[in-house]
Amino acid sequence: MEWSDLRIFLAVARSGTLGAAGRELGQTQPTMGRRIRALEAALGQTLFQRTSEGFLLTDEGAAVLAHAERMESEALGIARAASGRPGELDGSLRVSSSDWFGSHVLTHAVASMHRRHPAVTIELVTDARLLSLARREADLVFRIAPFDEPDIAQRRLLHMPYAAYTATTGDDTSPRQRITMDTAFGDMPDVAWLAARLPGSAVAFRSNSREAQARACALGVGIAVLPCPLGDATPGLRRIDLGDEAPGRDVWLGYHTDLRHLPRLRAFVEEVLRATTAL
């Protein structure tokens, strides 16, 4: 039995289809099917039930899954430990954040990092999903909630101020409509704050993208609550006083403890700290 076959097993178990698993691992669907059959033959067990909707784990497959995930965890731990050895400032660093934070905050740190350490490649992934640090989906993550996963080094980076914005060409006497988060993020503090200050107002636009909210606001769609680095930098926007300050959010950074001695990660965190000092 080879670890490569178990990686394929894990990919199929998680995605449910040979095609999706093959795209994840960069292999063809026939190759994936052949390797799964070989693994089942080696174990003498049927690991998947083939259905019209995809591959479903059998009871035997579920038992193998638990062991395979432990093996994956150990293999990833070896990779993280190897990556964490001190060395030259080169290589790549995969960073995850929201779209607006990446564009308006992290790019300043990226530019400074490039000037100081040009051999380091920063890969920025802006994704609404909470990427797994343990699985190396990202090396460094910035988000608005503390991390609750084990073996994660984290710190509160800063408190980000938010404010209400409207279009510079807007007429304060016209009916006010709201630009807000989509329903999946309806419990965020700024959503309730804006609704309370504009009672009876209609929602004109919803989006989980703060960048899209800012552009819609600048085009006169409605009033939006935005992080100040984004709102202040977006042409066509001005702050508007709705009676009191909008609720801000804490920003947290986190990385796996196995990478705490990785020189390029530590160097980039230092650049981020410098870039956010004035915020």
C-alpha atoms as a PDB file:
ATOM      1  CA  MET A   1       0.000   0.000   0.000  1.00  0.00           C
ATOM      2  CA  GLU A   2       1.380   3.418  -0.987  1.00  0.00           C
ATOM      3  CA  TRP A   3       0.661   6.808   0.560  1.00  0.00           C
ATOM      4  CA  SER A   4      -0.105   8.153  -2.939  1.00  0.00           C
ATOM      5  CA  ASP A   5      -3.021   5.704  -3.208  1.00  0.00           C
ATOM      6  CA  LEU A   6      -4.368   6.863   0.147  1.00  0.00           C
ATOM      7  CA  ARG A   7      -4.148  10.505  -1.008  1.00  0.00           C
ATOM      8  CA  ILE A   8      -6.347   9.551  -3.947  1.00  0.00           C
ATOM      9  CA  PHE A   9      -8.731   7.720  -1.595  1.00  0.00           C
ATOM     10  CA  LEU A  10      -8.993  10.834   0.604  1.00  0.00           C
ATOM     11  CA  ALA A  11      -9.622  13.102  -2.379  1.00  0.00           C
ATOM     12  CA  VAL A  12     -12.423  10.884  -3.687  1.00  0.00           C
ATOM     13  CA  ALA A  13     -13.948  10.496  -0.219  1.00  0.00           C
ATOM     14  CA  ARG A  14     -14.027  14.276   0.251  1.00  0.00           C
ATOM     15  CA  SER A  15     -15.189  15.293  -3.224  1.00  0.00           C
ATOM     16  CA  GLY A  16     -17.472  12.359  -3.975  1.00  0.00           C
ATOM     17  CA  THR A  17     -16.450  12.032  -7.638  1.00  0.00           C
ATOM     18  CA  LEU A  18     -13.418  10.857  -9.579  1.00  0.00           C
ATOM     19  CA  GLY A  19     -13.502  13.967 -11.760  1.00  0.00           C
ATOM     20  CA  ALA A  20     -13.361  16.465  -8.897  1.00  0.00           C
ATOM     21  CA  ALA A  21     -10.697  14.442  -7.082  1.00  0.00           C
ATOM     22  CA  GLY A  22      -8.663  14.183 -10.275  1.00  0.00           C
ATOM     23  CA  ARG A  23      -8.766  17.951 -10.806  1.00  0.00           C
ATOM     24  CA  GLU A  24      -7.591  18.483  -7.233  1.00  0.00           C
ATOM     25  CA  LEU A  25      -4.631  16.120  -7.630  1.00  0.00           C
ATOM     26  CA  GLY A  26      -3.876  16.824 -11.288  1.00  0.00           C
ATOM     27  CA  GLN A  27      -4.659  13.292 -12.496  1.00  0.00           C
ATOM     28  CA  THR A  28      -7.058  11.895 -15.065  1.00  0.00           C
ATOM     29  CA  GLN A  29     -10.347  10.270 -14.124  1.00  0.00           C
ATOM     30  CA  PRO A  30      -9.343   6.829 -15.513  1.00  0.00           C
ATOM     31  CA  THR A  31      -6.115   6.945 -13.491  1.00  0.00           C
ATOM     32  CA  MET A  32      -8.036   7.799 -10.341  1.00  0.00           C
ATOM     33  CA  GLY A  33     -10.469   4.939 -10.901  1.00  0.00           C
ATOM     34  CA  ARG A  34      -7.652   2.475 -11.554  1.00  0.00           C
ATOM     35  CA  ARG A  35      -5.804   3.485  -8.385  1.00  0.00           C
ATOM     36  CA  ILE A  36      -8.960   3.175  -6.262  1.00  0.00           C
ATOM     37  CA  ARG A  37      -9.601  -0.325  -7.620  1.00  0.00           C
ATOM     38  CA  ALA A  38      -5.985  -1.280  -6.916  1.00  0.00           C
ATOM     39  CA  LEU A  39      -6.289  -0.029  -3.328  1.00  0.00           C
ATOM     40  CA  GLU A  40      -9.503  -1.968  -2.799  1.00  0.00           C
ATOM     41  CA  ALA A  41      -7.837  -5.102  -4.177  1.00  0.00           C
ATOM     42  CA  ALA A  42      -4.823  -4.641  -1.913  1.00  0.00           C
ATOM     43  CA  LEU A  43      -7.044  -4.233   1.154  1.00  0.00           C
ATOM     44  CA  GLY A  44      -9.553  -6.880   0.112  1.00  0.00           C
ATOM     45  CA  GLN A  45     -12.379  -4.457   0.871  1.00  0.00           C
ATOM     46  CA  THR A  46     -14.903  -2.435  -1.115  1.00  0.00           C
ATOM     47  CA  LEU A  47     -14.265   1.130   0.014  1.00  0.00           C
ATOM     48  CA  PHE A  48     -16.875   2.966  -2.054  1.00  0.00           C
ATOM     49  CA  GLN A  49     -20.404   2.371  -3.203  1.00  0.00           C
ATOM     50  CA  ARG A  50     -20.705   3.590  -6.799  1.00  0.00           C
ATOM     51  CA  THR A  51     -23.968   5.480  -7.323  1.00  0.00           C
ATOM     52  CA  SER A  52     -25.415   7.745 -10.008  1.00  0.00           C
ATOM     53  CA  GLU A  53     -24.634  10.725  -7.760  1.00  0.00           C
ATOM     54  CA  GLY A  54     -21.020   9.769  -7.079  1.00  0.00           C
ATOM     55  CA  PHE A  55     -18.888   7.683  -4.709  1.00  0.00           C
ATOM     56  CA  LEU A  56     -20.224   6.980  -1.218  1.00  0.00           C
ATOM     57  CA  LEU A  57     -18.064   5.456   1.522  1.00  0.00           C
ATOM     58  CA  THR A  58     -18.966   1.954   2.669  1.00  0.00           C
ATOM     59  CA  ASP A  59     -18.599   1.054   6.351  1.00  0.00           C
ATOM     60  CA  GLU A  60     -15.172  -0.403   5.509  1.00  0.00           C
ATOM     61  CA  GLY A  61     -14.277   2.788   3.659  1.00  0.00           C
ATOM     62  CA  ALA A  62     -15.294   4.925   6.637  1.00  0.00           C
ATOM     63  CA  ALA A  63     -12.972   2.868   8.858  1.00  0.00           C
ATOM     64  CA  VAL A  64     -10.095   3.333   6.400  1.00  0.00           C
ATOM     65  CA  LEU A  65     -10.871   7.073   6.198  1.00  0.00           C
ATOM     66  CA  ALA A  66     -10.139   7.599   9.893  1.00  0.00           C
ATOM     67  CA  HIS A  67      -6.708   5.958   9.553  1.00  0.00           C
ATOM     68  CA  ALA A  68      -5.934   7.744   6.285  1.00  0.00           C
ATOM     69  CA  GLU A  69      -6.711  11.133   7.822  1.00  0.00           C
ATOM     70  CA  ARG A  70      -4.302  10.418  10.673  1.00  0.00           C
ATOM     71  CA  MET A  71      -1.624   9.458   8.137  1.00  0.00           C
ATOM     72  CA  GLU A  72      -2.336  12.665   6.200  1.00  0.00           C
ATOM     73  CA  SER A  73      -1.991  14.706   9.385  1.00  0.00           C
ATOM     74  CA  GLU A  74       1.414  13.166  10.100  1.00  0.00           C
ATOM     75  CA  ALA A  75       2.585  13.669   6.501  1.00  0.00           C
ATOM     76  CA  LEU A  76       1.526  17.323   6.578  1.00  0.00           C
ATOM     77  CA  GLY A  77       3.263  17.726   9.933  1.00  0.00           C
ATOM     78  CA  ILE A  78       6.508  16.479   8.381  1.00  0.00           C
ATOM     79  CA  ALA A  79       6.105  18.965   5.514  1.00  0.00           C
ATOM     80  CA  ARG A  80       5.410  21.850   7.894  1.00  0.00           C
ATOM     81  CA  ALA A  81       8.390  20.961  10.068  1.00  0.00           C
ATOM     82  CA  ALA A  82      10.637  20.821   7.013  1.00  0.00           C
ATOM     83  CA  SER A  83       9.307  24.180   5.798  1.00  0.00           C
ATOM     84  CA  GLY A  84       9.900  25.685   9.210  1.00  0.00           C
ATOM     85  CA  ARG A  85      13.654  25.136   9.236  1.00  0.00           C
ATOM     86  CA  PRO A  86      15.648  28.347   9.264  1.00  0.00           C
ATOM     87  CA  GLY A  87      17.123  29.253   5.906  1.00  0.00           C
ATOM     88  CA  GLU A  88      17.445  31.890   3.210  1.00  0.00           C
ATOM     89  CA  LEU A  89      14.566  34.276   2.564  1.00  0.00           C
ATOM     90  CA  ASP A  90      13.236  32.718  -0.602  1.00  0.00           C
ATOM     91  CA  GLY A  91      10.408  30.413  -1.576  1.00  0.00           C
ATOM     92  CA  SER A  92       6.666  31.064  -1.482  1.00  0.00           C
ATOM     93  CA  LEU A  93       4.174  32.064   1.185  1.00  0.00           C
ATOM     94  CA  ARG A  94       0.443  31.426   0.753  1.00  0.00           C
ATOM     95  CA  VAL A  95      -1.640  34.103   2.485  1.00  0.00           C
ATOM     96  CA  SER A  96      -5.431  34.279   2.832  1.00  0.00           C
ATOM     97  CA  SER A  97      -7.650  37.252   3.639  1.00  0.00           C
ATOM     98  CA  SER A  98     -10.849  38.996   2.569  1.00  0.00           C
ATOM     99  CA  ASP A  99     -10.787  40.750  -0.792  1.00  0.00           C
ATOM    100  CA  TRP A 100     -10.721  44.328   0.479  1.00  0.00           C
ATOM    101  CA  PHE A 101      -8.129  43.627   3.210  1.00  0.00           C
ATOM    102  CA  GLY A 102      -5.851  41.991   0.671  1.00  0.00           C
ATOM    103  CA  SER A 103      -6.216  44.879  -1.793  1.00  0.00           C
ATOM    104  CA  HIS A 104      -6.025  47.842   0.571  1.00  0.00           C
ATOM    105  CA  VAL A 105      -3.828  46.602   3.426  1.00  0.00           C
ATOM    106  CA  LEU A 106      -1.773  43.546   2.559  1.00  0.00           C
ATOM    107  CA  THR A 107      -0.560  44.819  -0.808  1.00  0.00           C
ATOM    108  CA  HIS A 108       1.408  47.514   1.039  1.00  0.00           C
ATOM    109  CA  ALA A 109       3.137  44.789   3.043  1.00  0.00           C
ATOM    110  CA  VAL A 110       3.680  42.756  -0.141  1.00  0.00           C
ATOM    111  CA  ALA A 111       5.378  45.711  -1.841  1.00  0.00           C
ATOM    112  CA  SER A 112       7.654  46.308   1.141  1.00  0.00           C
ATOM    113  CA  MET A 113       8.440  42.569   1.382  1.00  0.00           C
ATOM    114  CA  HIS A 114       9.360  42.525  -2.312  1.00  0.00           C
ATOM    115  CA  ARG A 115      11.789  45.407  -1.876  1.00  0.00           C
ATOM    116  CA  ARG A 116      13.500  43.744   1.090  1.00  0.00           C
ATOM    117  CA  HIS A 117      13.290  40.091   0.003  1.00  0.00           C
ATOM    118  CA  PRO A 118      12.720  39.867  -3.769  1.00  0.00           C
ATOM    119  CA  ALA A 119      13.226  36.068  -3.848  1.00  0.00           C
ATOM    120  CA  VAL A 120      10.088  35.486  -1.748  1.00  0.00           C
ATOM    121  CA  THR A 121       6.840  34.977  -3.664  1.00  0.00           C
ATOM    122  CA  ILE A 122       3.649  35.977  -1.843  1.00  0.00           C
ATOM    123  CA  GLU A 123       0.520  34.176  -3.053  1.00  0.00           C
ATOM    124  CA  LEU A 124      -2.602  35.980  -1.871  1.00  0.00           C
ATOM    125  CA  VAL A 125      -5.879  34.030  -1.836  1.00  0.00           C
ATOM    126  CA  THR A 126      -9.004  36.114  -1.188  1.00  0.00           C
ATOM    127  CA  ASP A 127     -11.636  33.604  -0.170  1.00  0.00           C
ATOM    128  CA  ALA A 128     -14.768  33.744   1.955  1.00  0.00           C
ATOM    129  CA  ARG A 129     -14.064  30.169   3.118  1.00  0.00           C
ATOM    130  CA  LEU A 130     -12.077  29.626   6.294  1.00  0.00           C
ATOM    131  CA  LEU A 131      -9.022  27.909   4.824  1.00  0.00           C
ATOM    132  CA  SER A 132      -7.322  25.216   6.908  1.00  0.00           C
ATOM    133  CA  LEU A 133      -3.914  26.073   8.316  1.00  0.00           C
ATOM    134  CA  ALA A 134      -3.404  22.461   9.419  1.00  0.00           C
ATOM    135  CA  ARG A 135      -3.851  21.185   5.866  1.00  0.00           C
ATOM    136  CA  ARG A 136      -1.574  23.880   4.415  1.00  0.00           C
ATOM    137  CA  GLU A 137      -4.421  25.442   2.426  1.00  0.00           C
ATOM    138  CA  ALA A 138      -2.757  28.644   3.615  1.00  0.00           C
ATOM    139  CA  ASP A 139       0.398  29.456   5.576  1.00  0.00           C
ATOM    140  CA  LEU A 140      -0.907  32.697   7.073  1.00  0.00           C
ATOM    141  CA  VAL A 141      -4.544  33.753   7.483  1.00  0.00           C
ATOM    142  CA  PHE A 142      -6.102  37.125   8.334  1.00  0.00           C
ATOM    143  CA  ARG A 143      -9.717  37.166   9.503  1.00  0.00           C
ATOM    144  CA  ILE A 144     -12.169  38.959  11.822  1.00  0.00           C
ATOM    145  CA  ALA A 145     -12.611  36.125  14.332  1.00  0.00           C
ATOM    146  CA  PRO A 146     -10.111  34.364  16.628  1.00  0.00           C
ATOM    147  CA  PHE A 147      -8.928  30.913  15.613  1.00  0.00           C
ATOM    148  CA  ASP A 148     -10.276  27.901  17.504  1.00  0.00           C
ATOM    149  CA  GLU A 149      -8.222  25.200  15.753  1.00  0.00           C
ATOM    150  CA  PRO A 150      -5.465  23.406  17.688  1.00  0.00           C
ATOM    151  CA  ASP A 151      -1.772  24.215  17.205  1.00  0.00           C
ATOM    152  CA  ILE A 152      -2.423  27.699  15.791  1.00  0.00           C
ATOM    153  CA  ALA A 153      -0.305  30.682  16.817  1.00  0.00           C
ATOM    154  CA  GLN A 154      -2.482  33.788  16.652  1.00  0.00           C
ATOM    155  CA  ARG A 155      -2.580  37.415  17.662  1.00  0.00           C
ATOM    156  CA  ARG A 156      -4.979  40.321  17.448  1.00  0.00           C
ATOM    157  CA  LEU A 157      -3.476  42.457  14.710  1.00  0.00           C
ATOM    158  CA  LEU A 158      -5.558  45.603  15.108  1.00  0.00           C
ATOM    159  CA  HIS A 159      -9.024  47.034  15.607  1.00  0.00           C
ATOM    160  CA  MET A 160     -10.294  48.136  12.195  1.00  0.00           C
ATOM    161  CA  PRO A 161     -12.481  51.269  12.194  1.00  0.00           C
ATOM    162  CA  TYR A 162     -15.617  51.290  10.028  1.00  0.00           C
ATOM    163  CA  ALA A 163     -17.750  54.255   8.926  1.00  0.00           C
ATOM    164  CA  ALA A 164     -20.894  55.013   6.931  1.00  0.00           C
ATOM    165  CA  TYR A 165     -20.342  56.215   3.352  1.00  0.00           C
ATOM    166  CA  THR A 166     -22.411  57.682   0.564  1.00  0.00           C
ATOM    167  CA  ALA A 167     -21.655  58.862  -2.969  1.00  0.00           C
ATOM    168  CA  THR A 168     -19.996  62.273  -3.240  1.00  0.00           C
ATOM    169  CA  THR A 169     -22.651  63.241  -5.787  1.00  0.00           C
ATOM    170  CA  GLY A 170     -25.463  62.089  -3.524  1.00  0.00           C
ATOM    171  CA  ASP A 171     -28.225  64.337  -2.205  1.00  0.00           C
ATOM    172  CA  ASP A 172     -28.674  63.992   1.568  1.00  0.00           C
ATOM    173  CA  THR A 173     -32.374  64.910   1.189  1.00  0.00           C
ATOM    174  CA  SER A 174     -33.147  61.978  -1.149  1.00  0.00           C
ATOM    175  CA  PRO A 175     -34.588  58.707   0.229  1.00  0.00           C
ATOM    176  CA  ARG A 176     -31.869  56.601   1.824  1.00  0.00           C
ATOM    177  CA  GLN A 177     -31.442  52.975   0.913  1.00  0.00           C
ATOM    178  CA  ARG A 178     -28.967  50.514   2.373  1.00  0.00           C
ATOM    179  CA  ILE A 179     -26.062  48.556   0.939  1.00  0.00           C
ATOM    180  CA  THR A 180     -25.271  45.670   3.238  1.00  0.00           C
ATOM    181  CA  MET A 181     -23.866  42.157   3.610  1.00  0.00           C
ATOM    182  CA  ASP A 182     -25.636  39.197   2.052  1.00  0.00           C
ATOM    183  CA  THR A 183     -27.995  37.146   4.190  1.00  0.00           C
ATOM    184  CA  ALA A 184     -25.300  34.600   5.116  1.00  0.00           C
ATOM    185  CA  PHE A 185     -23.505  37.408   6.979  1.00  0.00           C
ATOM    186  CA  GLY A 186     -26.618  39.144   8.278  1.00  0.00           C
ATOM    187  CA  ASP A 187     -25.509  38.845  11.909  1.00  0.00           C
ATOM    188  CA  MET A 188     -22.461  41.088  11.455  1.00  0.00           C
ATOM    189  CA  PRO A 189     -22.551  44.149  13.770  1.00  0.00           C
ATOM    190  CA  ASP A 190     -22.528  46.768  11.008  1.00  0.00           C
ATOM    191  CA  VAL A 191     -25.628  45.232   9.375  1.00  0.00           C
ATOM    192  CA  ALA A 192     -27.781  45.765  12.467  1.00  0.00           C
ATOM    193  CA  TRP A 193     -26.166  49.146  13.165  1.00  0.00           C
ATOM    194  CA  LEU A 194     -27.040  50.550   9.738  1.00  0.00           C
ATOM    195  CA  ALA A 195     -30.582  49.175   9.851  1.00  0.00           C
ATOM    196  CA  ALA A 196     -31.135  50.792  13.264  1.00  0.00           C
ATOM    197  CA  ARG A 197     -29.961  54.193  12.011  1.00  0.00           C
ATOM    198  CA  LEU A 198     -32.010  54.088   8.849  1.00  0.00           C
ATOM    199  CA  PRO A 199     -35.325  52.666  10.144  1.00  0.00           C
ATOM    200  CA  GLY A 200     -37.790  51.828   7.430  1.00  0.00           C
ATOM    201  CA  SER A 201     -35.186  52.055   4.688  1.00  0.00           C
ATOM    202  CA  ALA A 202     -35.059  49.441   1.952  1.00  0.00           C
ATOM    203  CA  VAL A 203     -32.053  47.286   1.139  1.00  0.00           C
ATOM    204  CA  ALA A 204     -30.908  48.206  -2.360  1.00  0.00           C
ATOM    205  CA  PHE A 205     -27.934  45.855  -2.658  1.00  0.00           C
ATOM    206  CA  ARG A 206     -26.448  42.914  -0.761  1.00  0.00           C
ATOM    207  CA  SER A 207     -23.006  41.378  -1.248  1.00  0.00           C
ATOM    208  CA  ASN A 208     -20.404  39.479   0.748  1.00  0.00           C
ATOM    209  CA  SER A 209     -17.771  41.557  -1.102  1.00  0.00           C
ATOM    210  CA  ARG A 210     -16.887  44.838   0.572  1.00  0.00           C
ATOM    211  CA  GLU A 211     -15.234  45.924  -2.685  1.00  0.00           C
ATOM    212  CA  ALA A 212     -18.532  45.457  -4.538  1.00  0.00           C
ATOM    213  CA  GLN A 213     -20.390  47.342  -1.787  1.00  0.00           C
ATOM    214  CA  ALA A 214     -17.958  50.260  -2.091  1.00  0.00           C
ATOM    215  CA  ARG A 215     -18.340  50.475  -5.872  1.00  0.00           C
ATOM    216  CA  ALA A 216     -22.134  50.306  -5.659  1.00  0.00           C
ATOM    217  CA  CYS A 217     -22.096  53.015  -3.006  1.00  0.00           C
ATOM    218  CA  ALA A 218     -19.906  55.284  -5.161  1.00  0.00           C
ATOM    219  CA  LEU A 219     -22.383  54.804  -8.022  1.00  0.00           C
ATOM    220  CA  GLY A 220     -25.215  56.107  -5.847  1.00  0.00           C
ATOM    221  CA  VAL A 221     -27.004  52.847  -5.059  1.00  0.00           C
ATOM    222  CA  GLY A 222     -27.239  53.551  -1.330  1.00  0.00           C
ATOM    223  CA  ILE A 223     -25.432  54.055   1.979  1.00  0.00           C
ATOM    224  CA  ALA A 224     -22.859  51.464   3.050  1.00  0.00           C
ATOM    225  CA  VAL A 225     -20.820  50.756   6.167  1.00  0.00           C
ATOM    226  CA  LEU A 226     -17.259  50.070   5.042  1.00  0.00           C
ATOM    227  CA  PRO A 227     -13.821  49.553   6.578  1.00  0.00           C
ATOM    228  CA  CYS A 228     -12.212  52.977   6.564  1.00  0.00           C
ATOM    229  CA  PRO A 229      -9.093  52.012   4.534  1.00  0.00           C
ATOM    230  CA  LEU A 230     -11.454  50.828   1.768  1.00  0.00           C
ATOM    231  CA  GLY A 231     -14.030  53.602   1.994  1.00  0.00           C
ATOM    232  CA  ASP A 232     -11.464  56.416   2.209  1.00  0.00           C
ATOM    233  CA  ALA A 233      -9.523  55.038  -0.782  1.00  0.00           C
ATOM    234  CA  THR A 234     -12.527  54.518  -3.073  1.00  0.00           C
ATOM    235  CA  PRO A 235     -13.099  57.427  -5.491  1.00  0.00           C
ATOM    236  CA  GLY A 236     -16.571  58.915  -5.335  1.00  0.00           C
ATOM    237  CA  LEU A 237     -17.212  58.190  -1.645  1.00  0.00           C
ATOM    238  CA  ARG A 238     -17.519  60.450   1.375  1.00  0.00           C
ATOM    239  CA  ARG A 239     -18.203  59.667   5.000  1.00  0.00           C
ATOM    240  CA  ILE A 240     -21.637  60.464   6.375  1.00  0.00           C
ATOM    241  CA  ASP A 241     -22.601  61.118  10.012  1.00  0.00           C
ATOM    242  CA  LEU A 242     -25.467  58.904  11.191  1.00  0.00           C
ATOM    243  CA  GLY A 243     -25.292  59.960  14.838  1.00  0.00           C
ATOM    244  CA  ASP A 244     -22.592  57.745  16.309  1.00  0.00           C
ATOM    245  CA  GLU A 245     -19.625  55.654  15.237  1.00  0.00           C
ATOM    246  CA  ALA A 246     -20.151  52.479  13.281  1.00  0.00           C
ATOM    247  CA  PRO A 247     -18.937  49.291  15.015  1.00  0.00           C
ATOM    248  CA  GLY A 248     -15.432  48.318  13.983  1.00  0.00           C
ATOM    249  CA  ARG A 249     -13.987  44.804  13.865  1.00  0.00           C
ATOM    250  CA  ASP A 250     -10.878  43.159  15.278  1.00  0.00           C
ATOM    251  CA  VAL A 251      -8.524  41.606  12.722  1.00  0.00           C
ATOM    252  CA  TRP A 252      -6.655  38.442  13.752  1.00  0.00           C
ATOM    253  CA  LEU A 253      -3.701  36.735  12.123  1.00  0.00           C
ATOM    254  CA  GLY A 254      -2.880  33.067  12.552  1.00  0.00           C
ATOM    255  CA  TYR A 255      -0.445  30.419  11.363  1.00  0.00           C
ATOM    256  CA  HIS A 256       0.408  26.846  12.311  1.00  0.00           C
ATOM    257  CA  THR A 257       2.870  26.585  15.183  1.00  0.00           C
ATOM    258  CA  ASP A 258       5.127  24.356  13.041  1.00  0.00           C
ATOM    259  CA  LEU A 259       5.864  27.448  10.913  1.00  0.00           C
ATOM    260  CA  ARG A 260       6.694  29.819  13.757  1.00  0.00           C
ATOM    261  CA  HIS A 261      10.416  29.725  12.903  1.00  0.00           C
ATOM    262  CA  LEU A 262       9.938  30.048   9.123  1.00  0.00           C
ATOM    263  CA  PRO A 263      12.014  33.130   8.239  1.00  0.00           C
ATOM    264  CA  ARG A 264       9.888  34.330   5.310  1.00  0.00           C
ATOM    265  CA  LEU A 265       6.688  34.071   7.356  1.00  0.00           C
ATOM    266  CA  ARG A 266       8.177  36.000  10.258  1.00  0.00           C
ATOM    267  CA  ALA A 267       9.520  38.636   7.863  1.00  0.00           C
ATOM    268  CA  PHE A 268       6.138  39.097   6.202  1.00  0.00           C
ATOM    269  CA  VAL A 269       4.338  39.370   9.554  1.00  0.00           C
ATOM    270  CA  GLU A 270       6.777  42.161  10.456  1.00  0.00           C
ATOM    271  CA  GLU A 271       5.937  43.948   7.194  1.00  0.00           C
ATOM    272  CA  VAL A 272       2.214  43.610   7.931  1.00  0.00           C
ATOM    273  CA  LEU A 273       2.718  45.061  11.408  1.00  0.00           C
ATOM    274  CA  ARG A 274       4.534  48.029   9.894  1.00  0.00           C
ATOM    275  CA  ALA A 275       1.831  48.510   7.236  1.00  0.00           C
ATOM    276  CA  THR A 276      -0.996  48.478   9.784  1.00  0.00           C
ATOM    277  CA  THR A 277       0.610  50.766  12.370  1.00  0.00           C
ATOM    278  CA  ALA A 278      -1.081  53.843  10.906  1.00  0.00           C
ATOM    279  CA  LEU A 279      -4.543  52.276  10.527  1.00  0.00           C
END
